[in-house]
Amino acid sequence: MKELTLKIPSKAELIEVIHTVATRGKGVYGDPIRNVDQYWSKDGKLLAEKDIIRDMEVTHSKIEKVKAKTADARNVNGEKKIN
């Protein structure tokens, strides 16, 4: 896996944003009720959102795709598949 290297930012500034906490979810398995942090510009544009459940699903999906690609590559090369 490629190691990340941190770079010094070329710019940093303090800006004003509106932070809201929204409730999301149906309260069922796979869609629990949770708080979602949202950050908005003063003119009403959604800048960022932190939804723990959605973020876990996205991360899990990416991991599964990488595992599948790795397994496919091993099968093509005649290597034994390892999970």
PDB file of N, CA and C in Angstrom:
ATOM      1  N   MET A   1       0.833  -1.172   0.000  1.00  0.00           N
ATOM      2  CA  MET A   1       0.000   0.000   0.000  1.00  0.00           C
ATOM      3  C   MET A   1       0.879   1.237   0.000  1.00  0.00           C
ATOM      4  N   LYS A   2       0.511   2.223  -0.785  1.00  0.00           N
ATOM      5  CA  LYS A   2       1.302   3.444  -0.902  1.00  0.00           C
ATOM      6  C   LYS A   2       1.159   4.295   0.360  1.00  0.00           C
ATOM      7  N   GLU A   3       2.273   4.773   0.876  1.00  0.00           N
ATOM      8  CA  GLU A   3       2.271   5.593   2.082  1.00  0.00           C
ATOM      9  C   GLU A   3       1.971   7.034   1.719  1.00  0.00           C
ATOM     10  N   LEU A   4       1.125   7.668   2.519  1.00  0.00           N
ATOM     11  CA  LEU A   4       0.790   9.070   2.299  1.00  0.00           C
ATOM     12  C   LEU A   4       1.837   9.958   2.953  1.00  0.00           C
ATOM     13  N   THR A   5       2.203  11.010   2.270  1.00  0.00           N
ATOM     14  CA  THR A   5       3.099  11.996   2.860  1.00  0.00           C
ATOM     15  C   THR A   5       2.352  13.309   2.958  1.00  0.00           C
ATOM     16  N   LEU A   6       2.460  13.946   4.101  1.00  0.00           N
ATOM     17  CA  LEU A   6       1.768  15.208   4.321  1.00  0.00           C
ATOM     18  C   LEU A   6       2.622  16.361   3.815  1.00  0.00           C
ATOM     19  N   LYS A   7       1.984  17.293   3.175  1.00  0.00           N
ATOM     20  CA  LYS A   7       2.666  18.475   2.664  1.00  0.00           C
ATOM     21  C   LYS A   7       2.224  19.688   3.473  1.00  0.00           C
ATOM     22  N   ILE A   8       3.055  20.688   3.518  1.00  0.00           N
ATOM     23  CA  ILE A   8       2.702  21.935   4.183  1.00  0.00           C
ATOM     24  C   ILE A   8       1.680  22.657   3.310  1.00  0.00           C
ATOM     25  N   PRO A   9       0.551  23.088   3.919  1.00  0.00           N
ATOM     26  CA  PRO A   9      -0.448  23.780   3.110  1.00  0.00           C
ATOM     27  C   PRO A   9       0.104  25.077   2.531  1.00  0.00           C
ATOM     28  N   SER A  10      -0.329  25.401   1.332  1.00  0.00           N
ATOM     29  CA  SER A  10       0.110  26.650   0.717  1.00  0.00           C
ATOM     30  C   SER A  10      -0.733  27.827   1.178  1.00  0.00           C
ATOM     31  N   LYS A  11      -1.903  27.533   1.781  1.00  0.00           N
ATOM     32  CA  LYS A  11      -2.766  28.605   2.253  1.00  0.00           C
ATOM     33  C   LYS A  11      -3.643  28.080   3.373  1.00  0.00           C
ATOM     34  N   ALA A  12      -3.858  28.911   4.374  1.00  0.00           N
ATOM     35  CA  ALA A  12      -4.797  28.601   5.451  1.00  0.00           C
ATOM     36  C   ALA A  12      -5.480  29.901   5.840  1.00  0.00           C
ATOM     37  N   GLU A  13      -6.788  29.826   5.995  1.00  0.00           N
ATOM     38  CA  GLU A  13      -7.516  31.015   6.398  1.00  0.00           C
ATOM     39  C   GLU A  13      -8.707  30.618   7.252  1.00  0.00           C
ATOM     40  N   LEU A  14      -9.109  31.510   8.116  1.00  0.00           N
ATOM     41  CA  LEU A  14     -10.261  31.295   8.961  1.00  0.00           C
ATOM     42  C   LEU A  14     -11.484  31.854   8.249  1.00  0.00           C
ATOM     43  N   ILE A  15     -12.484  31.008   8.040  1.00  0.00           N
ATOM     44  CA  ILE A  15     -13.693  31.465   7.376  1.00  0.00           C
ATOM     45  C   ILE A  15     -14.900  31.138   8.259  1.00  0.00           C
ATOM     46  N   GLU A  16     -15.979  31.858   8.068  1.00  0.00           N
ATOM     47  CA  GLU A  16     -17.202  31.597   8.817  1.00  0.00           C
ATOM     48  C   GLU A  16     -18.083  30.637   8.040  1.00  0.00           C
ATOM     49  N   VAL A  17     -18.565  29.621   8.719  1.00  0.00           N
ATOM     50  CA  VAL A  17     -19.515  28.689   8.134  1.00  0.00           C
ATOM     51  C   VAL A  17     -20.640  28.471   9.142  1.00  0.00           C
ATOM     52  N   ILE A  18     -21.723  27.928   8.657  1.00  0.00           N
ATOM     53  CA  ILE A  18     -22.847  27.571   9.512  1.00  0.00           C
ATOM     54  C   ILE A  18     -22.790  26.063   9.723  1.00  0.00           C
ATOM     55  N   HIS A  19     -22.748  25.657  10.992  1.00  0.00           N
ATOM     56  CA  HIS A  19     -22.695  24.234  11.337  1.00  0.00           C
ATOM     57  C   HIS A  19     -24.084  23.826  11.808  1.00  0.00           C
ATOM     58  N   THR A  20     -24.678  22.816  11.153  1.00  0.00           N
ATOM     59  CA  THR A  20     -25.971  22.278  11.583  1.00  0.00           C
ATOM     60  C   THR A  20     -25.807  20.798  11.895  1.00  0.00           C
ATOM     61  N   VAL A  21     -26.694  20.300  12.719  1.00  0.00           N
ATOM     62  CA  VAL A  21     -26.748  18.874  13.009  1.00  0.00           C
ATOM     63  C   VAL A  21     -28.143  18.404  12.608  1.00  0.00           C
ATOM     64  N   ALA A  22     -28.202  17.531  11.621  1.00  0.00           N
ATOM     65  CA  ALA A  22     -29.470  17.016  11.114  1.00  0.00           C
ATOM     66  C   ALA A  22     -29.642  15.573  11.555  1.00  0.00           C
ATOM     67  N   THR A  23     -30.881  15.169  11.801  1.00  0.00           N
ATOM     68  CA  THR A  23     -31.180  13.786  12.139  1.00  0.00           C
ATOM     69  C   THR A  23     -31.531  13.053  10.854  1.00  0.00           C
ATOM     70  N   ARG A  24     -30.951  11.882  10.693  1.00  0.00           N
ATOM     71  CA  ARG A  24     -31.174  11.088   9.485  1.00  0.00           C
ATOM     72  C   ARG A  24     -31.387   9.635   9.887  1.00  0.00           C
ATOM     73  N   GLY A  25     -32.093   8.889   9.065  1.00  0.00           N
ATOM     74  CA  GLY A  25     -32.286   7.458   9.281  1.00  0.00           C
ATOM     75  C   GLY A  25     -33.715   7.110   9.643  1.00  0.00           C
ATOM     76  N   LYS A  26     -34.088   5.862   9.343  1.00  0.00           N
ATOM     77  CA  LYS A  26     -35.444   5.378   9.603  1.00  0.00           C
ATOM     78  C   LYS A  26     -35.544   4.587  10.903  1.00  0.00           C
ATOM     79  N   GLY A  27     -34.424   4.326  11.534  1.00  0.00           N
ATOM     80  CA  GLY A  27     -34.443   3.574  12.784  1.00  0.00           C
ATOM     81  C   GLY A  27     -34.604   2.078  12.593  1.00  0.00           C
ATOM     82  N   VAL A  28     -34.159   1.605  11.440  1.00  0.00           N
ATOM     83  CA  VAL A  28     -34.222   0.173  11.148  1.00  0.00           C
ATOM     84  C   VAL A  28     -32.804  -0.328  10.866  1.00  0.00           C
ATOM     85  N   TYR A  29     -32.661  -1.664  10.848  1.00  0.00           N
ATOM     86  CA  TYR A  29     -31.362  -2.254  10.551  1.00  0.00           C
ATOM     87  C   TYR A  29     -30.877  -1.745   9.197  1.00  0.00           C
ATOM     88  N   GLY A  30     -29.651  -1.297   9.137  1.00  0.00           N
ATOM     89  CA  GLY A  30     -29.076  -0.776   7.898  1.00  0.00           C
ATOM     90  C   GLY A  30     -29.310   0.714   7.700  1.00  0.00           C
ATOM     91  N   ASP A  31     -30.237   1.301   8.464  1.00  0.00           N
ATOM     92  CA  ASP A  31     -30.497   2.741   8.373  1.00  0.00           C
ATOM     93  C   ASP A  31     -30.860   3.274   9.761  1.00  0.00           C
ATOM     94  N   PRO A  32     -29.894   3.218  10.694  1.00  0.00           N
ATOM     95  CA  PRO A  32     -30.175   3.675  12.057  1.00  0.00           C
ATOM     96  C   PRO A  32     -30.371   5.193  12.116  1.00  0.00           C
ATOM     97  N   ILE A  33     -31.089   5.646  13.123  1.00  0.00           N
ATOM     98  CA  ILE A  33     -31.221   7.074  13.350  1.00  0.00           C
ATOM     99  C   ILE A  33     -29.885   7.579  13.879  1.00  0.00           C
ATOM    100  N   ARG A  34     -29.397   8.670  13.300  1.00  0.00           N
ATOM    101  CA  ARG A  34     -28.112   9.223  13.712  1.00  0.00           C
ATOM    102  C   ARG A  34     -28.088  10.708  13.418  1.00  0.00           C
ATOM    103  N   ASN A  35     -27.125  11.389  14.025  1.00  0.00           N
ATOM    104  CA  ASN A  35     -26.908  12.807  13.761  1.00  0.00           C
ATOM    105  C   ASN A  35     -25.886  12.966  12.648  1.00  0.00           C
ATOM    106  N   VAL A  36     -26.146  13.895  11.762  1.00  0.00           N
ATOM    107  CA  VAL A  36     -25.256  14.180  10.643  1.00  0.00           C
ATOM    108  C   VAL A  36     -24.820  15.634  10.746  1.00  0.00           C
ATOM    109  N   ASP A  37     -23.511  15.860  10.795  1.00  0.00           N
ATOM    110  CA  ASP A  37     -22.981  17.225  10.828  1.00  0.00           C
ATOM    111  C   ASP A  37     -22.930  17.779   9.419  1.00  0.00           C
ATOM    112  N   GLN A  38     -23.436  19.000   9.256  1.00  0.00           N
ATOM    113  CA  GLN A  38     -23.407  19.662   7.958  1.00  0.00           C
ATOM    114  C   GLN A  38     -22.780  21.044   8.119  1.00  0.00           C
ATOM    115  N   TYR A  39     -22.037  21.456   7.110  1.00  0.00           N
ATOM    116  CA  TYR A  39     -21.387  22.765   7.107  1.00  0.00           C
ATOM    117  C   TYR A  39     -21.841  23.523   5.865  1.00  0.00           C
ATOM    118  N   TRP A  40     -22.388  24.706   6.084  1.00  0.00           N
ATOM    119  CA  TRP A  40     -23.002  25.511   5.034  1.00  0.00           C
ATOM    120  C   TRP A  40     -22.300  26.861   4.914  1.00  0.00           C
ATOM    121  N   SER A  41     -22.282  27.396   3.691  1.00  0.00           N
ATOM    122  CA  SER A  41     -21.798  28.761   3.490  1.00  0.00           C
ATOM    123  C   SER A  41     -22.895  29.729   3.928  1.00  0.00           C
ATOM    124  N   LYS A  42     -22.544  30.982   4.092  1.00  0.00           N
ATOM    125  CA  LYS A  42     -23.526  31.986   4.499  1.00  0.00           C
ATOM    126  C   LYS A  42     -24.636  32.159   3.468  1.00  0.00           C
ATOM    127  N   ASP A  43     -24.343  31.836   2.214  1.00  0.00           N
ATOM    128  CA  ASP A  43     -25.365  31.988   1.177  1.00  0.00           C
ATOM    129  C   ASP A  43     -26.156  30.693   0.927  1.00  0.00           C
ATOM    130  N   GLY A  44     -26.043  29.708   1.830  1.00  0.00           N
ATOM    131  CA  GLY A  44     -26.893  28.530   1.768  1.00  0.00           C
ATOM    132  C   GLY A  44     -26.375  27.348   0.966  1.00  0.00           C
ATOM    133  N   LYS A  45     -25.104  27.350   0.596  1.00  0.00           N
ATOM    134  CA  LYS A  45     -24.538  26.237  -0.160  1.00  0.00           C
ATOM    135  C   LYS A  45     -23.954  25.207   0.812  1.00  0.00           C
ATOM    136  N   LEU A  46     -24.341  23.926   0.629  1.00  0.00           N
ATOM    137  CA  LEU A  46     -23.794  22.860   1.463  1.00  0.00           C
ATOM    138  C   LEU A  46     -22.336  22.637   1.081  1.00  0.00           C
ATOM    139  N   LEU A  47     -21.433  22.821   2.034  1.00  0.00           N
ATOM    140  CA  LEU A  47     -20.003  22.699   1.773  1.00  0.00           C
ATOM    141  C   LEU A  47     -19.476  21.303   2.096  1.00  0.00           C
ATOM    142  N   ALA A  48     -19.957  20.734   3.202  1.00  0.00           N
ATOM    143  CA  ALA A  48     -19.460  19.424   3.626  1.00  0.00           C
ATOM    144  C   ALA A  48     -20.490  18.774   4.538  1.00  0.00           C
ATOM    145  N   GLU A  49     -20.387  17.445   4.607  1.00  0.00           N
ATOM    146  CA  GLU A  49     -21.306  16.692   5.443  1.00  0.00           C
ATOM    147  C   GLU A  49     -20.564  15.498   6.020  1.00  0.00           C
ATOM    148  N   LYS A  50     -20.796  15.215   7.290  1.00  0.00           N
ATOM    149  CA  LYS A  50     -20.186  14.059   7.948  1.00  0.00           C
ATOM    150  C   LYS A  50     -21.293  13.147   8.444  1.00  0.00           C
ATOM    151  N   ASP A  51     -21.511  12.043   7.703  1.00  0.00           N
ATOM    152  CA  ASP A  51     -22.506  11.031   8.045  1.00  0.00           C
ATOM    153  C   ASP A  51     -21.737   9.737   8.290  1.00  0.00           C
ATOM    154  N   ILE A  52     -21.609   9.358   9.539  1.00  0.00           N
ATOM    155  CA  ILE A  52     -20.768   8.212   9.900  1.00  0.00           C
ATOM    156  C   ILE A  52     -21.198   6.936   9.186  1.00  0.00           C
ATOM    157  N   ILE A  53     -22.493   6.665   9.109  1.00  0.00           N
ATOM    158  CA  ILE A  53     -22.971   5.435   8.478  1.00  0.00           C
ATOM    159  C   ILE A  53     -22.662   5.445   6.986  1.00  0.00           C
ATOM    160  N   ARG A  54     -22.956   6.542   6.307  1.00  0.00           N
ATOM    161  CA  ARG A  54     -22.679   6.621   4.872  1.00  0.00           C
ATOM    162  C   ARG A  54     -21.177   6.508   4.606  1.00  0.00           C
ATOM    163  N   ASP A  55     -20.380   7.171   5.437  1.00  0.00           N
ATOM    164  CA  ASP A  55     -18.932   7.114   5.259  1.00  0.00           C
ATOM    165  C   ASP A  55     -18.399   5.699   5.449  1.00  0.00           C
ATOM    166  N   MET A  56     -18.957   4.956   6.401  1.00  0.00           N
ATOM    167  CA  MET A  56     -18.531   3.566   6.601  1.00  0.00           C
ATOM    168  C   MET A  56     -18.904   2.718   5.393  1.00  0.00           C
ATOM    169  N   GLU A  57     -20.104   2.947   4.831  1.00  0.00           N
ATOM    170  CA  GLU A  57     -20.533   2.182   3.665  1.00  0.00           C
ATOM    171  C   GLU A  57     -19.637   2.461   2.470  1.00  0.00           C
ATOM    172  N   VAL A  58     -19.273   3.730   2.269  1.00  0.00           N
ATOM    173  CA  VAL A  58     -18.403   4.093   1.152  1.00  0.00           C
ATOM    174  C   VAL A  58     -17.040   3.448   1.334  1.00  0.00           C
ATOM    175  N   THR A  59     -16.480   3.542   2.535  1.00  0.00           N
ATOM    176  CA  THR A  59     -15.173   2.955   2.809  1.00  0.00           C
ATOM    177  C   THR A  59     -15.223   1.445   2.642  1.00  0.00           C
ATOM    178  N   HIS A  60     -16.253   0.796   3.178  1.00  0.00           N
ATOM    179  CA  HIS A  60     -16.378  -0.669   3.072  1.00  0.00           C
ATOM    180  C   HIS A  60     -16.493  -1.087   1.613  1.00  0.00           C
ATOM    181  N   SER A  61     -17.268  -0.340   0.839  1.00  0.00           N
ATOM    182  CA  SER A  61     -17.437  -0.655  -0.582  1.00  0.00           C
ATOM    183  C   SER A  61     -16.111  -0.571  -1.322  1.00  0.00           C
ATOM    184  N   LYS A  62     -15.315   0.458  -1.026  1.00  0.00           N
ATOM    185  CA  LYS A  62     -14.011   0.615  -1.681  1.00  0.00           C
ATOM    186  C   LYS A  62     -13.081  -0.536  -1.322  1.00  0.00           C
ATOM    187  N   ILE A  63     -13.110  -0.946  -0.053  1.00  0.00           N
ATOM    188  CA  ILE A  63     -12.256  -2.055   0.395  1.00  0.00           C
ATOM    189  C   ILE A  63     -12.654  -3.339  -0.320  1.00  0.00           C
ATOM    190  N   GLU A  64     -13.963  -3.604  -0.422  1.00  0.00           N
ATOM    191  CA  GLU A  64     -14.442  -4.808  -1.090  1.00  0.00           C
ATOM    192  C   GLU A  64     -14.058  -4.812  -2.569  1.00  0.00           C
ATOM    193  N   LYS A  65     -14.110  -3.653  -3.236  1.00  0.00           N
ATOM    194  CA  LYS A  65     -13.726  -3.572  -4.647  1.00  0.00           C
ATOM    195  C   LYS A  65     -12.241  -3.876  -4.819  1.00  0.00           C
ATOM    196  N   VAL A  66     -11.417  -3.366  -3.915  1.00  0.00           N
ATOM    197  CA  VAL A  66      -9.976  -3.629  -3.981  1.00  0.00           C
ATOM    198  C   VAL A  66      -9.712  -5.115  -3.762  1.00  0.00           C
ATOM    199  N   LYS A  67     -10.402  -5.721  -2.793  1.00  0.00           N
ATOM    200  CA  LYS A  67     -10.231  -7.150  -2.536  1.00  0.00           C
ATOM    201  C   LYS A  67     -10.622  -7.966  -3.772  1.00  0.00           C
ATOM    202  N   ALA A  68     -11.724  -7.576  -4.415  1.00  0.00           N
ATOM    203  CA  ALA A  68     -12.188  -8.305  -5.602  1.00  0.00           C
ATOM    204  C   ALA A  68     -11.184  -8.180  -6.741  1.00  0.00           C
ATOM    205  N   LYS A  69     -10.654  -6.986  -6.962  1.00  0.00           N
ATOM    206  CA  LYS A  69      -9.671  -6.778  -8.027  1.00  0.00           C
ATOM    207  C   LYS A  69      -8.403  -7.585  -7.750  1.00  0.00           C
ATOM    208  N   THR A  70      -7.982  -7.596  -6.486  1.00  0.00           N
ATOM    209  CA  THR A  70      -6.782  -8.346  -6.103  1.00  0.00           C
ATOM    210  C   THR A  70      -6.997  -9.840  -6.327  1.00  0.00           C
ATOM    211  N   ALA A  71      -8.176 -10.329  -5.929  1.00  0.00           N
ATOM    212  CA  ALA A  71      -8.485 -11.757  -6.119  1.00  0.00           C
ATOM    213  C   ALA A  71      -8.531 -12.100  -7.598  1.00  0.00           C
ATOM    214  N   ASP A  72      -9.136 -11.231  -8.411  1.00  0.00           N
ATOM    215  CA  ASP A  72      -9.201 -11.473  -9.857  1.00  0.00           C
ATOM    216  C   ASP A  72      -7.799 -11.516 -10.457  1.00  0.00           C
ATOM    217  N   ALA A  73      -6.940 -10.604 -10.030  1.00  0.00           N
ATOM    218  CA  ALA A  73      -5.569 -10.563 -10.551  1.00  0.00           C
ATOM    219  C   ALA A  73      -4.814 -11.825 -10.159  1.00  0.00           C
ATOM    220  N   ARG A  74      -5.041 -12.300  -8.952  1.00  0.00           N
ATOM    221  CA  ARG A  74      -4.377 -13.530  -8.512  1.00  0.00           C
ATOM    222  C   ARG A  74      -4.855 -14.719  -9.328  1.00  0.00           C
ATOM    223  N   ASN A  75      -6.141 -14.768  -9.612  1.00  0.00           N
ATOM    224  CA  ASN A  75      -6.692 -15.878 -10.400  1.00  0.00           C
ATOM    225  C   ASN A  75      -6.151 -15.863 -11.823  1.00  0.00           C
ATOM    226  N   VAL A  76      -5.998 -14.680 -12.398  1.00  0.00           N
ATOM    227  CA  VAL A  76      -5.470 -14.557 -13.763  1.00  0.00           C
ATOM    228  C   VAL A  76      -4.022 -15.033 -13.804  1.00  0.00           C
ATOM    229  N   ASN A  77      -3.272 -14.700 -12.757  1.00  0.00           N
ATOM    230  CA  ASN A  77      -1.862 -15.074 -12.707  1.00  0.00           C
ATOM    231  C   ASN A  77      -1.645 -16.502 -12.214  1.00  0.00           C
ATOM    232  N   GLY A  78      -2.726 -17.225 -11.927  1.00  0.00           N
ATOM    233  CA  GLY A  78      -2.600 -18.611 -11.501  1.00  0.00           C
ATOM    234  C   GLY A  78      -2.204 -18.760 -10.046  1.00  0.00           C
ATOM    235  N   GLU A  79      -2.292 -17.683  -9.285  1.00  0.00           N
ATOM    236  CA  GLU A  79      -1.946 -17.772  -7.867  1.00  0.00           C
ATOM    237  C   GLU A  79      -3.132 -18.278  -7.073  1.00  0.00           C
ATOM    238  N   LYS A  80      -2.852 -18.839  -5.913  1.00  0.00           N
ATOM    239  CA  LYS A  80      -3.910 -19.314  -5.039  1.00  0.00           C
ATOM    240  C   LYS A  80      -4.609 -18.132  -4.405  1.00  0.00           C
ATOM    241  N   LYS A  81      -5.949 -18.145  -4.424  1.00  0.00           N
ATOM    242  CA  LYS A  81      -6.732 -17.050  -3.871  1.00  0.00           C
ATOM    243  C   LYS A  81      -6.666 -17.104  -2.339  1.00  0.00           C
ATOM    244  N   ILE A  82      -6.350 -15.954  -1.741  1.00  0.00           N
ATOM    245  CA  ILE A  82      -6.264 -15.837  -0.288  1.00  0.00           C
ATOM    246  C   ILE A  82      -7.240 -14.757   0.144  1.00  0.00           C
ATOM    247  N   ASN A  83      -8.075 -15.067   1.139  1.00  0.00           N
ATOM    248  CA  ASN A  83      -9.020 -14.055   1.642  1.00  0.00           C
ATOM    249  C   ASN A  83      -8.520 -13.448   2.912  1.00  0.00           C
TER     250      ASN A  83
END
